[in-house]
Amino acid sequence: MLIVTTMVLATFVAVWVSHSGSDRAAPRPTAAGETTTTTTAAGAPPISVEPGSTVVNGLLTFRGNATRSLYGQGPVPKHPSVLWTYPDKAMCSQSHDLGGFAEWCGTGWTGEPAVWERDGRTLVAFGAYDRALHVLDASSGKDAFPPFVTGDLIKGSVSVDPDGFPLIYSGSRDDYFRVYAFDRPELTEMWKINAYDVSPTKWNNDWDGSGLVRDDYLFEGGENSQFHIVKLNRAMGADGRVTVAPKLIFHTPGWDDQELKDIGGDDVSIESSVSMFNNVVYFANSGGLIEGWDVSGLASGTTPKQVFRFWTGDDTDATVAIDDQGMLYVGSEYERQTARSKKIGQIMKLDPSKPDDPLVWSIPDHDALPAGIWATPALDRDMVYVATNGGRLLGIDRMTGEIRWTKHLPGPTWQSPVVVDNVLIEGDCSGVLHAYDVSDTTKDPPELWKLQLPKGCIESTPAVWKGRIYLGTRSGKFFAIGDQ
């Protein structure tokens, strides 16, 4: 069905930055081999998205690649329905947070599944609130391996090794970040690191971030407020099975004394996934500090060096997205109501080549408390797509920061927007998955379809892969969606 949503116009006076580039994106072949032309605003350069892997065919980590800007592979379903649901009963368990013990069900923020092809079949992996890592056969929805049960919730997105080693990387609220092998009858724990293996630490023991693997190094931030680099030492043994001998080679606090003074507390956990551009790793923390660390000398034994620092003024859990010019796109929350966060805004574009004054443009979001952004921005051509805690889905001019259009959805909208083949996908907290036609970015996009899933907030980011959409919700279930 075709449902056109009424356009709500909003504008924001932003800092103007001039760039050169074509006003029309190159034609993109559709799945059927036809050619379509996508229209963009004048002056906007196209984005060249780096692959997540040149070895493994799949969507292997949160937002697909090191710049967190890859969202899957089409085609996107045109008349979607639920093809299978997993498991038979809801995935739930008891866990403790600042609010006490409660039952948690399904998958939540960020919770994006990994999808990849291996030995002639497609696999999908995700962590859930039943405390387990699940790996399924994507065609049937059946367990490819028995679930691996940890000691507490798994909230973040899992990662699959991009270099072809049969390894999965995932953290749990039970203190541990683990490396699993999947080249044997059962998922096998090969190594783990405890959140308290390093010091000093602050906040807690969870691992929300999706690990990034590059050149045999694992980069990961923890809610222990530390940034970690692990040399994996991967190999294939004489018996044909994978081996790892990981060694923690670097860790550093993700905070500094100035940040602690500015926020007046120690909630500086790293809940975002780390991003990387030109050998600089970027991450944000719950105190609003964004850091960049140069890791170019790891192979030669050079100690990583901090090269970028920016304070947003408030909790910044969304992952930093990076375009191919190295610009950073950041979503921050509005909870502390600090003067800094009110001044800086909650959606921002930063230029790290100008570390003393990196803010290019910003947009405020103070509509409700708590307000701001939990979802990671999506980049596509001349646009940035951002979902707010209050339920707004924004289409933003990537160059100027002008809001071109607004959709209003039942919030909170924590699912990170996904764009594949000119289709923008966003879930809401009533359990509805929406798809919009963004082929012409100069127009308010019409809604192509919407699909009501069993009641439960859609917090997890979906994975799009070759005609299917995979995602879990707070209903307790995981779904494969596609055309019949």
Protein backbone atom coordinates (compact mmCIF):
# COMPACT_ATOMS: atom_id res chain seq x y z
CA MET A 1 0.00 0.00 0.00
CA LEU A 2 1.06 3.57 -0.60
CA ILE A 3 0.60 6.07 2.19
CA VAL A 4 1.83 9.61 1.76
CA THR A 5 2.69 11.39 4.98
CA THR A 6 1.99 15.10 5.21
CA MET A 7 5.15 17.13 5.06
CA VAL A 8 6.04 19.20 8.09
CA LEU A 9 8.53 21.87 7.18
CA ALA A 10 11.14 23.09 9.59
CA THR A 11 14.16 25.22 9.05
CA PHE A 12 17.23 25.99 11.03
CA VAL A 13 19.66 28.84 10.51
CA ALA A 14 23.01 27.10 10.24
CA VAL A 15 26.60 27.91 9.50
CA TRP A 16 27.08 27.81 5.74
CA VAL A 17 29.98 25.82 4.40
CA SER A 18 30.54 25.80 0.63
CA HIS A 19 31.54 22.63 -1.16
CA SER A 20 31.88 21.79 -4.82
CA GLY A 21 30.23 18.79 -6.43
CA SER A 22 27.62 17.51 -8.79
CA ASP A 23 23.95 18.27 -8.21
CA ARG A 24 22.87 14.89 -9.47
CA ALA A 25 23.86 11.46 -8.23
CA ALA A 26 25.01 8.84 -10.69
CA PRO A 27 22.31 6.45 -11.97
CA ARG A 28 21.96 3.38 -9.77
CA PRO A 29 20.91 0.00 -11.21
CA THR A 30 17.95 -1.61 -9.52
CA ALA A 31 17.74 -5.30 -8.64
CA ALA A 32 15.95 -5.95 -11.91
CA GLY A 33 18.70 -4.26 -13.88
CA GLU A 34 16.71 -1.13 -14.64
CA THR A 35 18.28 2.28 -14.24
CA THR A 36 16.86 5.02 -12.03
CA THR A 37 18.06 8.57 -11.54
CA THR A 38 18.29 9.97 -8.03
CA THR A 39 17.92 13.71 -7.61
CA THR A 40 19.78 15.71 -4.97
CA ALA A 41 20.11 19.37 -4.10
CA ALA A 42 22.64 21.46 -5.97
CA GLY A 43 26.18 21.56 -4.63
CA ALA A 44 26.06 18.30 -2.69
CA PRO A 45 28.88 15.84 -3.33
CA PRO A 46 27.93 12.17 -3.46
CA ILE A 47 29.10 9.93 -0.63
CA SER A 48 31.44 7.09 -1.45
CA VAL A 49 30.74 4.37 1.13
CA GLU A 50 33.59 2.07 2.06
CA PRO A 51 32.78 -1.65 2.09
CA GLY A 52 32.54 -3.48 5.37
CA SER A 53 34.74 -6.26 4.00
CA THR A 54 36.39 -7.32 0.78
CA VAL A 55 36.43 -10.95 1.93
CA VAL A 56 33.08 -11.67 3.58
CA ASN A 57 29.80 -10.86 1.85
CA GLY A 58 27.54 -9.42 4.49
CA LEU A 59 26.60 -6.71 6.96
CA LEU A 60 29.13 -7.53 9.65
CA THR A 61 28.99 -4.87 12.36
CA PHE A 62 26.81 -2.01 13.56
CA ARG A 63 26.20 0.20 10.53
CA GLY A 64 28.30 -2.09 8.41
CA ASN A 65 31.77 -0.55 8.25
CA ALA A 66 34.39 1.51 10.06
CA THR A 67 32.69 4.84 9.31
CA ARG A 68 29.35 3.38 10.45
CA SER A 69 27.73 4.36 7.15
CA LEU A 70 26.84 1.04 5.46
CA TYR A 71 23.27 -0.17 5.92
CA GLY A 72 22.93 -3.35 3.88
CA GLN A 73 22.29 -4.57 0.38
CA GLY A 74 19.05 -4.49 -1.59
CA PRO A 75 16.62 -5.02 -2.97
CA VAL A 76 14.31 -3.71 -0.27
CA PRO A 77 10.95 -5.53 -0.03
CA LYS A 78 8.10 -3.79 -1.85
CA HIS A 79 5.12 -5.59 -0.27
CA PRO A 80 6.60 -6.86 2.97
CA SER A 81 5.20 -9.39 5.38
CA VAL A 82 6.68 -11.47 8.18
CA LEU A 83 8.31 -14.57 6.65
CA TRP A 84 9.34 -16.17 9.94
CA THR A 85 9.47 -15.36 13.64
CA TYR A 86 12.01 -16.56 16.21
CA PRO A 87 11.75 -18.18 18.74
CA ASP A 88 8.51 -19.91 19.77
CA LYS A 89 8.36 -18.01 23.07
CA ALA A 90 9.52 -14.52 23.96
CA MET A 91 13.21 -13.97 24.69
CA CYS A 92 13.13 -12.52 28.22
CA SER A 93 15.18 -12.45 31.42
CA GLN A 94 15.55 -10.52 34.66
CA SER A 95 18.27 -7.90 34.92
CA HIS A 96 19.25 -5.05 37.19
CA ASP A 97 19.91 -1.41 36.42
CA LEU A 98 19.57 1.90 38.28
CA GLY A 99 15.82 1.31 38.45
CA GLY A 100 16.21 -2.07 40.13
CA PHE A 101 15.35 -5.53 38.85
CA ALA A 102 12.95 -5.83 35.92
CA GLU A 103 12.06 -8.19 33.11
CA TRP A 104 13.64 -7.32 29.78
CA CYS A 105 12.33 -8.87 26.55
CA GLY A 106 13.45 -9.06 22.93
CA THR A 107 16.21 -6.90 21.53
CA GLY A 108 16.84 -3.22 22.14
CA TRP A 109 19.23 -0.38 21.50
CA THR A 110 21.35 -0.88 19.44
CA GLY A 111 20.72 -4.56 18.67
CA GLU A 112 21.41 -4.58 14.92
CA PRO A 113 21.89 -8.16 13.70
CA ALA A 114 24.87 -9.22 11.61
CA VAL A 115 24.07 -10.98 8.33
CA TRP A 116 26.65 -12.82 6.25
CA GLU A 117 27.11 -15.53 3.66
CA ARG A 118 29.24 -18.60 4.34
CA ASP A 119 29.48 -22.06 2.77
CA GLY A 120 26.46 -21.56 0.55
CA ARG A 121 24.04 -20.28 3.16
CA THR A 122 23.17 -16.99 4.84
CA LEU A 123 23.51 -16.64 8.61
CA VAL A 124 22.13 -13.99 10.94
CA ALA A 125 23.47 -13.35 14.44
CA PHE A 126 22.24 -11.15 17.28
CA GLY A 127 22.35 -10.79 21.03
CA ALA A 128 19.11 -10.57 23.01
CA TYR A 129 17.59 -9.86 26.39
CA ASP A 130 17.30 -13.57 27.12
CA ARG A 131 21.07 -13.29 27.79
CA ALA A 132 21.98 -15.32 24.71
CA LEU A 133 23.94 -14.96 21.50
CA HIS A 134 21.84 -16.43 18.69
CA VAL A 135 23.01 -17.54 15.24
CA LEU A 136 20.22 -18.53 12.84
CA ASP A 137 19.87 -19.91 9.36
CA ALA A 138 18.47 -16.85 7.58
CA SER A 139 16.35 -18.86 5.15
CA SER A 140 14.44 -20.86 7.78
CA GLY A 141 14.81 -18.94 11.03
CA LYS A 142 16.06 -22.07 12.78
CA ASP A 143 19.07 -22.20 15.07
CA ALA A 144 22.28 -22.75 13.14
CA PHE A 145 23.91 -23.40 16.53
CA PRO A 146 22.52 -23.77 20.02
CA PRO A 147 22.27 -20.31 21.63
CA PHE A 148 25.25 -19.36 23.79
CA VAL A 149 23.86 -18.16 27.12
CA THR A 150 25.83 -15.51 29.02
CA GLY A 151 25.32 -14.26 32.56
CA ASP A 152 23.21 -11.20 31.71
CA LEU A 153 21.62 -9.15 28.93
CA ILE A 154 23.19 -8.58 25.53
CA LYS A 155 22.21 -5.09 24.37
CA GLY A 156 24.66 -4.03 21.70
CA SER A 157 25.18 -5.17 18.11
CA VAL A 158 27.41 -8.17 17.47
CA SER A 159 30.25 -8.13 14.94
CA VAL A 160 31.44 -10.86 12.59
CA ASP A 161 35.08 -11.07 11.57
CA PRO A 162 35.57 -9.15 8.28
CA ASP A 163 38.62 -11.13 7.19
CA GLY A 164 36.95 -14.51 6.84
CA PHE A 165 37.90 -16.02 10.18
CA PRO A 166 34.89 -17.83 11.69
CA LEU A 167 34.69 -15.50 14.69
CA ILE A 168 31.98 -13.41 16.34
CA TYR A 169 32.62 -10.53 18.75
CA SER A 170 30.04 -9.54 21.37
CA GLY A 171 29.74 -8.05 24.84
CA SER A 172 27.31 -8.84 27.65
CA ARG A 173 26.16 -7.08 30.79
CA ASP A 174 27.75 -9.97 32.74
CA ASP A 175 31.10 -8.06 32.73
CA TYR A 176 32.58 -9.75 29.67
CA PHE A 177 33.35 -8.96 26.06
CA ARG A 178 33.89 -12.26 24.23
CA VAL A 179 35.28 -13.74 21.06
CA TYR A 180 33.37 -16.80 19.80
CA ALA A 181 34.25 -19.37 17.15
CA PHE A 182 31.53 -20.79 14.91
CA ASP A 183 33.51 -23.39 12.95
CA ARG A 184 32.54 -26.25 15.30
CA PRO A 185 29.27 -27.88 16.33
CA GLU A 186 28.57 -25.29 19.03
CA LEU A 187 29.45 -21.64 19.48
CA THR A 188 32.70 -21.76 21.43
CA GLU A 189 34.10 -19.07 23.68
CA MET A 190 37.69 -18.48 22.60
CA TRP A 191 38.58 -15.48 24.79
CA LYS A 192 37.01 -12.88 27.04
CA ILE A 193 37.97 -9.68 28.80
CA ASN A 194 36.37 -8.49 32.02
CA ALA A 195 35.28 -4.87 32.31
CA TYR A 196 37.32 -4.67 35.51
CA ASP A 197 40.52 -6.10 34.03
CA VAL A 198 41.68 -2.53 33.45
CA SER A 199 41.86 0.50 35.70
CA PRO A 200 40.84 3.13 36.43
CA THR A 201 37.21 2.46 35.57
CA LYS A 202 34.01 4.41 36.04
CA TRP A 203 30.30 3.70 35.79
CA ASN A 204 29.59 -0.01 35.12
CA ASN A 205 30.36 -3.34 33.48
CA ASP A 206 28.30 -3.43 30.26
CA TRP A 207 29.52 -3.51 26.66
CA ASP A 208 27.00 -1.78 24.40
CA GLY A 209 29.41 -0.91 21.61
CA SER A 210 29.86 -3.06 18.52
CA GLY A 211 33.49 -4.15 18.19
CA LEU A 212 35.44 -2.94 15.16
CA VAL A 213 38.05 -5.31 13.70
CA ARG A 214 40.75 -3.93 11.42
CA ASP A 215 44.11 -5.53 10.49
CA ASP A 216 44.00 -8.08 13.33
CA TYR A 217 43.15 -5.42 15.92
CA LEU A 218 39.90 -5.19 17.87
CA PHE A 219 38.80 -1.68 18.89
CA GLU A 220 36.15 -1.43 21.59
CA GLY A 221 34.81 1.06 24.10
CA GLY A 222 33.20 -0.14 27.32
CA GLU A 223 30.78 1.15 29.89
CA ASN A 224 33.77 0.84 32.21
CA SER A 225 34.58 4.16 30.48
CA GLN A 226 37.77 2.82 28.89
CA PHE A 227 38.80 2.53 25.25
CA HIS A 228 40.51 -0.81 24.49
CA ILE A 229 42.71 -2.10 21.66
CA VAL A 230 43.29 -5.86 21.46
CA LYS A 231 45.75 -7.62 19.15
CA LEU A 232 43.79 -10.70 18.14
CA ASN A 233 46.54 -12.91 16.68
CA ARG A 234 44.07 -14.87 14.56
CA ALA A 235 45.15 -17.96 12.64
CA MET A 236 43.88 -21.27 11.29
CA GLY A 237 45.16 -24.32 13.15
CA ALA A 238 46.52 -27.54 11.68
CA ASP A 239 43.10 -29.12 12.30
CA GLY A 240 41.44 -26.50 10.09
CA ARG A 241 39.86 -24.69 13.02
CA VAL A 242 40.35 -21.05 13.92
CA THR A 243 42.65 -20.01 16.76
CA VAL A 244 43.06 -16.70 18.56
CA ALA A 245 45.59 -15.51 21.12
CA PRO A 246 44.31 -12.04 22.01
CA LYS A 247 46.42 -9.57 23.95
CA LEU A 248 45.25 -6.24 25.31
CA ILE A 249 47.92 -3.87 23.98
CA PHE A 250 46.40 -0.49 24.83
CA HIS A 251 43.69 1.01 26.97
CA THR A 252 42.97 4.53 28.10
CA PRO A 253 40.28 6.36 30.05
CA GLY A 254 37.65 7.79 27.73
CA TRP A 255 37.32 10.82 29.97
CA ASP A 256 39.57 13.54 31.35
CA ASP A 257 39.58 15.73 34.46
CA GLN A 258 38.08 18.67 32.61
CA GLU A 259 35.06 16.63 31.55
CA LEU A 260 34.44 15.36 35.08
CA LYS A 261 34.58 18.94 36.33
CA ASP A 262 32.25 20.16 33.58
CA ILE A 263 29.56 17.52 34.16
CA GLY A 264 29.95 17.36 37.93
CA GLY A 265 29.86 13.56 38.02
CA ASP A 266 31.37 10.34 36.74
CA ASP A 267 28.77 9.02 34.25
CA VAL A 268 31.26 8.83 31.40
CA SER A 269 30.55 5.34 30.06
CA ILE A 270 31.28 4.60 26.39
CA GLU A 271 28.04 3.21 24.98
CA SER A 272 28.68 4.19 21.38
CA SER A 273 30.46 1.95 18.89
CA VAL A 274 33.88 3.23 17.87
CA SER A 275 34.28 4.61 14.35
CA MET A 276 37.41 5.01 12.24
CA PHE A 277 38.58 7.27 9.42
CA ASN A 278 42.15 7.51 8.09
CA ASN A 279 43.54 5.60 11.07
CA VAL A 280 41.84 7.83 13.63
CA VAL A 281 39.36 6.13 15.97
CA TYR A 282 36.45 8.25 17.22
CA PHE A 283 34.08 7.57 20.10
CA ALA A 284 31.78 9.48 22.44
CA ASN A 285 30.82 8.99 26.07
CA SER A 286 27.89 9.61 28.38
CA GLY A 287 29.42 12.83 29.61
CA GLY A 288 29.37 14.20 26.05
CA LEU A 289 33.08 13.98 25.31
CA ILE A 290 34.04 13.04 21.74
CA GLU A 291 37.61 11.92 21.28
CA GLY A 292 39.77 10.97 18.30
CA TRP A 293 42.83 8.71 18.69
CA ASP A 294 45.50 8.25 16.02
CA VAL A 295 46.24 4.50 15.80
CA SER A 296 48.31 4.58 12.61
CA GLY A 297 51.48 3.39 14.35
CA LEU A 298 50.13 0.25 16.02
CA ALA A 299 52.02 -2.15 13.77
CA SER A 300 55.32 -0.39 14.49
CA GLY A 301 54.68 -0.21 18.22
CA THR A 302 53.83 3.49 18.36
CA THR A 303 51.47 4.37 21.19
CA PRO A 304 48.11 5.80 20.06
CA LYS A 305 47.82 9.56 20.47
CA GLN A 306 44.76 11.68 21.13
CA VAL A 307 44.27 14.12 18.25
CA PHE A 308 40.71 15.37 18.72
CA ARG A 309 38.55 16.52 21.64
CA PHE A 310 35.08 18.08 21.59
CA TRP A 311 32.53 18.37 24.39
CA THR A 312 28.83 18.32 23.44
CA GLY A 313 27.67 19.15 26.95
CA ASP A 314 25.45 16.11 27.47
CA ASP A 315 25.16 12.34 27.20
CA THR A 316 26.31 11.20 23.74
CA ASP A 317 25.53 7.51 23.29
CA ALA A 318 24.84 7.55 19.55
CA THR A 319 27.73 6.36 17.40
CA VAL A 320 29.70 8.93 15.41
CA ALA A 321 28.96 8.59 11.68
CA ILE A 322 31.64 9.75 9.23
CA ASP A 323 31.39 10.74 5.58
CA ASP A 324 34.11 10.23 2.99
CA GLN A 325 35.48 13.72 3.61
CA GLY A 326 36.10 12.81 7.25
CA MET A 327 33.27 14.96 8.63
CA LEU A 328 31.69 13.68 11.85
CA TYR A 329 27.92 13.56 12.36
CA VAL A 330 26.91 13.38 16.00
CA GLY A 331 23.64 12.91 17.86
CA SER A 332 23.62 13.96 21.50
CA GLU A 333 20.98 13.80 24.23
CA TYR A 334 19.41 16.63 26.20
CA GLU A 335 19.08 15.42 29.79
CA ARG A 336 21.37 17.51 31.97
CA GLN A 337 20.10 20.76 30.40
CA THR A 338 23.55 22.29 30.61
CA ALA A 339 24.29 25.67 29.12
CA ARG A 340 26.77 23.96 26.79
CA SER A 341 24.25 21.45 25.41
CA LYS A 342 21.65 24.18 24.97
CA LYS A 343 24.14 26.27 23.04
CA ILE A 344 25.73 23.50 20.97
CA GLY A 345 22.53 21.64 20.08
CA GLN A 346 21.81 17.94 19.78
CA ILE A 347 22.54 17.21 16.11
CA MET A 348 25.87 18.43 14.84
CA LYS A 349 28.41 18.21 12.07
CA LEU A 350 32.05 18.48 13.11
CA ASP A 351 35.20 19.01 11.07
CA PRO A 352 38.08 17.32 12.94
CA SER A 353 40.64 19.00 10.69
CA LYS A 354 39.79 22.17 12.64
CA PRO A 355 40.15 20.86 16.20
CA ASP A 356 40.02 24.31 17.80
CA ASP A 357 36.67 25.15 16.18
CA PRO A 358 35.21 22.01 14.58
CA LEU A 359 31.48 22.85 14.69
CA VAL A 360 30.19 23.24 11.13
CA TRP A 361 26.46 23.35 11.93
CA SER A 362 24.12 22.18 14.64
CA ILE A 363 20.41 21.71 15.35
CA PRO A 364 18.69 21.92 18.75
CA ASP A 365 16.18 19.36 20.01
CA HIS A 366 14.61 20.47 23.30
CA ASP A 367 10.99 19.48 22.61
CA ALA A 368 10.63 17.11 25.57
CA LEU A 369 12.64 15.91 28.52
CA PRO A 370 14.60 13.84 28.10
CA ALA A 371 15.12 15.07 24.56
CA GLY A 372 17.82 14.72 21.94
CA ILE A 373 19.22 11.77 20.06
CA TRP A 374 19.84 8.11 20.88
CA ALA A 375 19.82 6.91 17.25
CA THR A 376 22.94 7.06 15.07
CA PRO A 377 22.60 9.43 12.08
CA ALA A 378 22.38 7.90 8.60
CA LEU A 379 24.26 9.46 5.67
CA ASP A 380 23.04 9.21 2.09
CA ARG A 381 24.10 11.48 -0.77
CA ASP A 382 23.34 15.09 0.26
CA MET A 383 21.25 14.09 3.28
CA VAL A 384 21.57 13.22 6.96
CA TYR A 385 18.66 11.31 8.50
CA VAL A 386 18.17 11.52 12.26
CA ALA A 387 15.49 10.13 14.61
CA THR A 388 14.86 11.95 17.90
CA ASN A 389 13.79 10.67 21.28
CA GLY A 390 10.56 12.63 20.92
CA GLY A 391 9.54 10.79 17.74
CA ARG A 392 10.67 13.15 15.00
CA LEU A 393 12.34 11.70 11.91
CA LEU A 394 14.34 14.48 10.28
CA GLY A 395 15.69 14.86 6.77
CA ILE A 396 18.62 17.28 7.01
CA ASP A 397 20.72 18.92 4.30
CA ARG A 398 24.21 17.51 4.87
CA MET A 399 25.88 20.70 3.68
CA THR A 400 23.93 23.41 5.48
CA GLY A 401 22.16 21.72 8.40
CA GLU A 402 18.77 22.92 7.14
CA ILE A 403 15.87 20.61 8.05
CA ARG A 404 14.16 19.85 4.74
CA TRP A 405 11.32 17.78 6.16
CA THR A 406 10.00 16.19 9.37
CA LYS A 407 7.95 13.05 10.03
CA HIS A 408 6.22 12.51 13.37
CA LEU A 409 6.23 8.94 14.72
CA PRO A 410 5.29 7.38 18.05
CA GLY A 411 8.41 7.78 20.17
CA PRO A 412 10.83 7.23 21.54
CA THR A 413 12.52 6.53 18.21
CA TRP A 414 15.85 4.96 19.12
CA GLN A 415 16.19 2.80 16.01
CA SER A 416 18.92 4.22 13.79
CA PRO A 417 17.60 5.12 10.31
CA VAL A 418 18.60 2.80 7.47
CA VAL A 419 18.89 3.77 3.78
CA VAL A 420 19.24 1.13 1.06
CA ASP A 421 18.44 1.58 -2.65
CA ASN A 422 16.83 5.00 -2.07
CA VAL A 423 14.49 3.61 0.60
CA LEU A 424 14.63 5.05 4.12
CA ILE A 425 13.53 2.62 6.84
CA GLU A 426 12.59 3.65 10.38
CA GLY A 427 10.75 1.84 13.17
CA ASP A 428 8.61 3.46 15.85
CA CYS A 429 7.71 2.58 19.42
CA SER A 430 4.24 1.27 18.51
CA GLY A 431 5.90 -1.57 16.61
CA VAL A 432 5.41 -0.16 13.10
CA LEU A 433 8.20 -0.32 10.52
CA HIS A 434 8.03 2.49 7.95
CA ALA A 435 9.63 2.78 4.50
CA TYR A 436 9.96 6.09 2.62
CA ASP A 437 10.96 6.84 -0.97
CA VAL A 438 14.01 9.13 -0.76
CA SER A 439 15.07 8.82 -4.40
CA ASP A 440 14.51 12.57 -4.80
CA THR A 441 16.12 14.19 -1.78
CA THR A 442 14.75 17.62 -2.70
CA LYS A 443 11.21 16.51 -1.81
CA ASP A 444 9.38 15.38 1.29
CA PRO A 445 9.52 11.58 0.86
CA PRO A 446 6.25 9.67 0.44
CA GLU A 447 5.70 6.59 2.56
CA LEU A 448 6.03 3.45 0.41
CA TRP A 449 4.69 1.04 3.01
CA LYS A 450 4.35 0.38 6.69
CA LEU A 451 4.25 -2.93 8.50
CA GLN A 452 2.73 -3.50 11.93
CA LEU A 453 4.74 -6.00 13.96
CA PRO A 454 3.50 -7.57 17.21
CA LYS A 455 3.20 -4.87 19.86
CA GLY A 456 6.62 -3.89 21.14
CA CYS A 457 8.87 -0.89 20.65
CA ILE A 458 11.33 -1.11 17.75
CA GLU A 459 14.58 0.02 19.37
CA SER A 460 16.97 -2.20 17.40
CA THR A 461 18.40 -1.16 14.06
CA PRO A 462 17.31 -3.48 11.22
CA ALA A 463 19.67 -5.21 8.80
CA VAL A 464 18.71 -5.18 5.10
CA TRP A 465 20.11 -8.00 3.04
CA LYS A 466 19.09 -9.12 -0.47
CA GLY A 467 15.35 -8.75 -0.27
CA ARG A 468 14.92 -9.27 3.46
CA ILE A 469 14.90 -7.15 6.58
CA TYR A 470 16.01 -8.74 9.85
CA LEU A 471 15.24 -7.17 13.22
CA GLY A 472 14.15 -7.80 16.77
CA THR A 473 11.74 -5.78 18.90
CA ARG A 474 10.88 -5.39 22.56
CA SER A 475 7.97 -7.79 21.97
CA GLY A 476 10.46 -10.57 22.69
CA LYS A 477 10.68 -11.82 19.11
CA PHE A 478 13.00 -11.61 16.12
CA PHE A 479 11.63 -11.31 12.57
CA ALA A 480 12.56 -11.89 8.95
CA ILE A 481 10.55 -9.58 6.69
CA GLY A 482 10.28 -9.82 2.92
CA ASP A 483 8.05 -10.25 -0.11
CA GLN A 484 6.15 -13.53 -0.24
